[in-house]
Amino acid sequence: MSESAPSREPLISAADAVKAYIRLHRDWALSDGELLSLLLPERFQDSDISDLQRYAMEKLRGENQALRAELLALQAQPRRGALSEGVKKAVLDLIDARSFAEAIAAVTSAAPAFGADRAVFCIEAADGFAAATSSDGVRLIAPGTVAAVVGPEGMGAILSGGGELLFGRTGYRSIAAFRLRIGASAPPALFVLGSRVDGRFDGQDSETDLGFFARALERAIRAWLDLPKA
C-alpha cells in the first residue's frame, strides 16, 4: 500500500481536525450554546440558546426530509431484481436516523445483514487528530489510506487482509471496502465490512448489494453534515 500523504500546514490541519470533530459529534455541538453562537450567522448574536437550537433543528429537519425522498428514490431504481431483505432494512434504518450518530449506528448494525461480523465507517483524519476520538462505529484512519485500499479512483475492493489497518485488529479473513464520496470539502472515507469467514463477500450479488448500501450511506452522511450533493 502507498505511504500516507505528506503533512499539511499546521493551521490547515488544525482547522480540518476541528471541522471533523464537530461533524462526528454534531449532537454535542447542538447542545453547546457558546459554540452555536460562534458557528451560526451574525443575526443570531443577540439570541438566546432556544433560538439557536431552533434554527439548527429546523435546518436538520429539512435535510432529513430531503434525505428520505432521495433514499426512497434510490431504493426504487431498477436493478437485477428485488433488493435483499437485509439491504432493505439497512436502507430504511438510514432513512429513520434522526442524527449523525444514529446514521452511524445504522452502519454498525447492518453487519449481520451482509453476512459480516463487523461494519465501520472509516474517515481520514487530519494529522495530529487523536485516534482516541474514534468510537465503535467510526474509525479515524491516516491520510492516504483510502487510496491505498481501493486505488486512487477506485470505488471498492474485496480484500483478504488489512483488518488491522481498517478495524484496529486482526482476525478478519474477508473484507469489503467501499469509497464514500461525501463531498469535495470532506475527507476521504470508506464503508468497511469484515468477516472471519473466507470469501464471504465474493460474488456479483453480494458486491452489488454492498455497493448499493454504500451509495445510500454517503447520501445520508452528506445530509447530516450539511454538505452539497457530490
Protein backbone atom coordinates (compact mmCIF):
# COMPACT_ATOMS: atom_id res chain seq x y z
CA MET A 1 0.00 0.00 0.00
CA SER A 2 1.12 3.58 -0.62
CA GLU A 3 2.61 5.78 2.06
CA SER A 4 0.48 8.32 3.89
CA ALA A 5 0.07 11.75 2.34
CA PRO A 6 2.63 14.37 3.48
CA SER A 7 1.81 16.60 6.42
CA ARG A 8 -0.04 19.82 5.65
CA GLU A 9 0.47 23.25 7.20
CA PRO A 10 -0.29 23.12 10.96
CA LEU A 11 -3.12 25.71 10.80
CA ILE A 12 -4.86 23.87 7.94
CA SER A 13 -4.52 20.54 9.75
CA ALA A 14 -5.88 22.06 12.96
CA ALA A 15 -8.86 23.57 11.14
CA ASP A 16 -9.64 20.26 9.44
CA ALA A 17 -9.39 18.47 12.78
CA VAL A 18 -11.87 20.87 14.39
CA LYS A 19 -14.32 20.50 11.49
CA ALA A 20 -14.02 16.71 11.57
CA TYR A 21 -14.60 16.62 15.34
CA ILE A 22 -17.72 18.81 15.11
CA ARG A 23 -19.09 16.73 12.25
CA LEU A 24 -18.59 13.50 14.18
CA HIS A 25 -20.14 14.95 17.38
CA ARG A 26 -22.98 17.02 15.94
CA ASP A 27 -25.45 16.26 18.75
CA TRP A 28 -22.97 17.57 21.30
CA ALA A 29 -22.40 20.73 19.23
CA LEU A 30 -26.14 21.44 19.10
CA SER A 31 -26.34 21.40 22.90
CA ASP A 32 -23.46 23.85 23.40
CA GLY A 33 -24.85 27.40 23.30
CA GLU A 34 -21.47 29.11 23.26
CA LEU A 35 -20.27 27.01 20.33
CA LEU A 36 -23.51 27.58 18.41
CA SER A 37 -23.21 31.34 18.86
CA LEU A 38 -19.79 31.18 17.19
CA LEU A 39 -20.93 28.99 14.31
CA LEU A 40 -24.32 30.45 13.40
CA PRO A 41 -24.96 33.63 11.34
CA GLU A 42 -24.37 37.08 12.88
CA ARG A 43 -28.12 37.79 13.06
CA PHE A 44 -28.30 35.30 15.95
CA GLN A 45 -25.61 37.00 18.08
CA ASP A 46 -28.17 38.51 20.49
CA SER A 47 -30.47 35.48 20.53
CA ASP A 48 -30.84 33.07 23.41
CA ILE A 49 -29.96 29.38 23.28
CA SER A 50 -33.51 28.29 22.41
CA ASP A 51 -33.44 30.44 19.25
CA LEU A 52 -30.10 28.99 18.24
CA GLN A 53 -31.19 25.42 18.83
CA ARG A 54 -34.47 26.00 16.97
CA TYR A 55 -32.56 27.29 13.95
CA ALA A 56 -30.24 24.28 13.95
CA MET A 57 -33.00 21.72 14.47
CA GLU A 58 -35.22 23.20 11.73
CA LYS A 59 -32.29 23.04 9.33
CA LEU A 60 -31.65 19.39 10.23
CA ARG A 61 -35.33 18.54 9.85
CA GLY A 62 -35.32 19.90 6.30
CA GLU A 63 -32.17 17.96 5.47
CA ASN A 64 -33.66 14.72 6.76
CA GLN A 65 -36.83 15.16 4.70
CA ALA A 66 -34.72 15.63 1.59
CA LEU A 67 -32.68 12.55 2.52
CA ARG A 68 -35.82 10.44 2.93
CA ALA A 69 -37.05 11.37 -0.55
CA GLU A 70 -33.62 10.73 -2.10
CA LEU A 71 -33.16 7.34 -0.46
CA LEU A 72 -36.66 6.16 -1.36
CA ALA A 73 -35.98 7.11 -4.98
CA LEU A 74 -32.65 5.28 -4.85
CA GLN A 75 -34.29 2.17 -3.42
CA ALA A 76 -36.78 2.14 -6.30
CA GLN A 77 -34.14 2.16 -9.03
CA PRO A 78 -34.34 -0.91 -11.33
CA ARG A 79 -31.58 -3.46 -10.85
CA ARG A 80 -31.01 -7.21 -11.06
CA GLY A 81 -34.15 -7.95 -9.04
CA ALA A 82 -35.62 -7.19 -5.65
CA LEU A 83 -33.17 -5.94 -3.06
CA SER A 84 -32.30 -8.47 -0.39
CA GLU A 85 -34.30 -8.07 2.80
CA GLY A 86 -31.13 -7.18 4.68
CA VAL A 87 -30.37 -4.28 2.34
CA LYS A 88 -33.97 -3.03 2.53
CA LYS A 89 -33.86 -2.95 6.33
CA ALA A 90 -30.44 -1.27 6.39
CA VAL A 91 -31.57 1.48 3.99
CA LEU A 92 -34.79 2.04 5.96
CA ASP A 93 -32.75 2.35 9.15
CA LEU A 94 -30.71 5.09 7.44
CA ILE A 95 -33.92 6.89 6.46
CA ASP A 96 -35.17 6.71 10.05
CA ALA A 97 -31.94 8.14 11.52
CA ARG A 98 -32.57 11.34 13.49
CA SER A 99 -28.92 12.31 13.94
CA PHE A 100 -25.49 11.62 12.53
CA ALA A 101 -24.89 9.29 15.49
CA GLU A 102 -28.00 7.27 14.59
CA ALA A 103 -26.85 7.06 10.97
CA ILE A 104 -23.53 5.60 12.13
CA ALA A 105 -25.40 3.22 14.44
CA ALA A 106 -27.30 2.01 11.36
CA VAL A 107 -23.93 1.28 9.75
CA THR A 108 -22.69 -0.87 12.62
CA SER A 109 -25.96 -2.76 12.98
CA ALA A 110 -26.02 -3.52 9.23
CA ALA A 111 -23.16 -6.02 9.53
CA PRO A 112 -25.31 -9.18 10.00
CA ALA A 113 -27.50 -8.22 7.03
CA PHE A 114 -24.45 -8.62 4.79
CA GLY A 115 -23.08 -11.73 6.48
CA ALA A 116 -20.36 -9.72 8.23
CA ASP A 117 -19.07 -9.76 11.79
CA ARG A 118 -18.38 -6.04 11.93
CA ALA A 119 -19.10 -2.86 9.97
CA VAL A 120 -17.40 0.51 10.41
CA PHE A 121 -17.31 3.98 8.89
CA CYS A 122 -13.65 4.91 8.28
CA ILE A 123 -12.69 8.54 7.70
CA GLU A 124 -9.26 10.02 7.08
CA ALA A 125 -8.35 12.40 9.90
CA ALA A 126 -6.11 15.45 9.78
CA ASP A 127 -2.57 14.98 11.06
CA GLY A 128 -2.48 15.11 14.85
CA PHE A 129 -6.19 14.36 15.32
CA ALA A 130 -6.17 11.89 18.20
CA ALA A 131 -7.23 8.35 17.34
CA ALA A 132 -8.77 8.24 20.82
CA THR A 133 -11.79 10.11 19.43
CA SER A 134 -12.76 7.03 17.40
CA SER A 135 -15.93 5.28 18.51
CA ASP A 136 -17.06 1.72 17.91
CA GLY A 137 -18.70 2.71 14.64
CA VAL A 138 -16.21 5.35 13.46
CA ARG A 139 -12.56 4.68 12.74
CA LEU A 140 -10.15 7.55 12.11
CA ILE A 141 -7.53 6.42 9.58
CA ALA A 142 -4.33 8.01 8.31
CA PRO A 143 -4.40 10.31 5.26
CA GLY A 144 -3.82 8.29 2.09
CA THR A 145 -5.41 5.10 3.43
CA VAL A 146 -8.50 5.22 1.19
CA ALA A 147 -6.43 5.48 -2.00
CA ALA A 148 -4.15 2.71 -0.73
CA VAL A 149 -7.10 0.36 -0.12
CA VAL A 150 -9.34 0.93 -3.17
CA GLY A 151 -6.95 2.75 -5.52
CA PRO A 152 -6.71 6.44 -6.44
CA GLU A 153 -10.00 6.39 -8.40
CA GLY A 154 -11.43 3.04 -7.29
CA MET A 155 -14.87 2.74 -5.69
CA GLY A 156 -14.49 -0.58 -3.90
CA ALA A 157 -12.33 -3.59 -3.16
CA ILE A 158 -12.76 -7.10 -1.75
CA LEU A 159 -9.72 -7.99 0.36
CA SER A 160 -8.40 -10.99 2.25
CA GLY A 161 -6.37 -8.93 4.73
CA GLY A 162 -5.85 -5.45 6.14
CA GLY A 163 -8.06 -5.76 9.20
CA GLU A 164 -5.53 -4.16 11.50
CA LEU A 165 -5.43 -1.07 9.26
CA LEU A 166 -9.20 -0.60 8.94
CA PHE A 167 -10.55 -2.20 12.12
CA GLY A 168 -7.64 -1.79 14.51
CA ARG A 169 -7.43 -5.55 14.98
CA THR A 170 -6.64 -8.70 13.02
CA GLY A 171 -8.70 -11.86 12.57
CA TYR A 172 -10.85 -10.80 9.60
CA ARG A 173 -10.34 -13.17 6.67
CA SER A 174 -12.60 -11.32 4.23
CA ILE A 175 -13.01 -7.54 3.99
CA ALA A 176 -15.21 -5.40 1.72
CA ALA A 177 -14.32 -1.71 1.47
CA PHE A 178 -16.28 0.91 -0.49
CA ARG A 179 -15.29 4.52 -1.09
CA LEU A 180 -17.80 7.10 0.15
CA ARG A 181 -17.87 10.26 -1.97
CA ILE A 182 -19.29 12.52 0.72
CA GLY A 183 -18.30 15.89 -0.75
CA ALA A 184 -15.46 17.95 -2.16
CA SER A 185 -14.74 19.53 1.23
CA ALA A 186 -14.99 16.28 3.20
CA PRO A 187 -12.03 13.97 3.87
CA PRO A 188 -11.91 10.60 2.05
CA ALA A 189 -13.97 7.88 3.74
CA LEU A 190 -14.83 4.18 3.49
CA PHE A 191 -17.71 1.88 4.40
CA VAL A 192 -15.98 -1.31 5.54
CA LEU A 193 -17.29 -4.78 6.43
CA GLY A 194 -15.24 -7.55 7.97
CA SER A 195 -15.91 -11.29 8.23
CA ARG A 196 -13.96 -14.11 9.86
CA VAL A 197 -15.06 -16.41 7.01
CA ASP A 198 -13.01 -16.75 3.81
CA GLY A 199 -14.72 -15.47 0.66
CA ARG A 200 -17.74 -14.09 2.49
CA PHE A 201 -18.16 -11.14 0.09
CA ASP A 202 -17.29 -12.91 -3.16
CA GLY A 203 -19.88 -12.88 -5.93
CA GLN A 204 -21.62 -10.20 -8.00
CA ASP A 205 -24.85 -10.19 -5.96
CA SER A 206 -23.02 -9.52 -2.70
CA GLU A 207 -20.87 -6.79 -4.24
CA THR A 208 -23.92 -5.10 -5.80
CA ASP A 209 -25.86 -5.10 -2.52
CA LEU A 210 -22.90 -3.69 -0.61
CA GLY A 211 -22.25 -1.01 -3.22
CA PHE A 212 -25.91 -0.01 -3.18
CA PHE A 213 -25.89 0.44 0.60
CA ALA A 214 -22.64 2.42 0.38
CA ARG A 215 -24.26 4.87 -2.05
CA ALA A 216 -27.24 5.28 0.30
CA LEU A 217 -24.88 5.81 3.22
CA GLU A 218 -22.90 8.57 1.52
CA ARG A 219 -26.17 10.40 0.80
CA ALA A 220 -27.19 10.11 4.45
CA ILE A 221 -23.85 11.45 5.65
CA ARG A 222 -23.99 14.37 3.21
CA ALA A 223 -27.39 15.36 4.57
CA TRP A 224 -26.40 15.19 8.23
CA LEU A 225 -23.10 17.01 7.72
CA ASP A 226 -24.78 19.73 5.63
CA LEU A 227 -22.69 19.06 2.53
CA PRO A 228 -23.72 19.68 -1.11
CA LYS A 229 -24.52 16.77 -3.39
CA ALA A 230 -21.40 15.20 -4.89
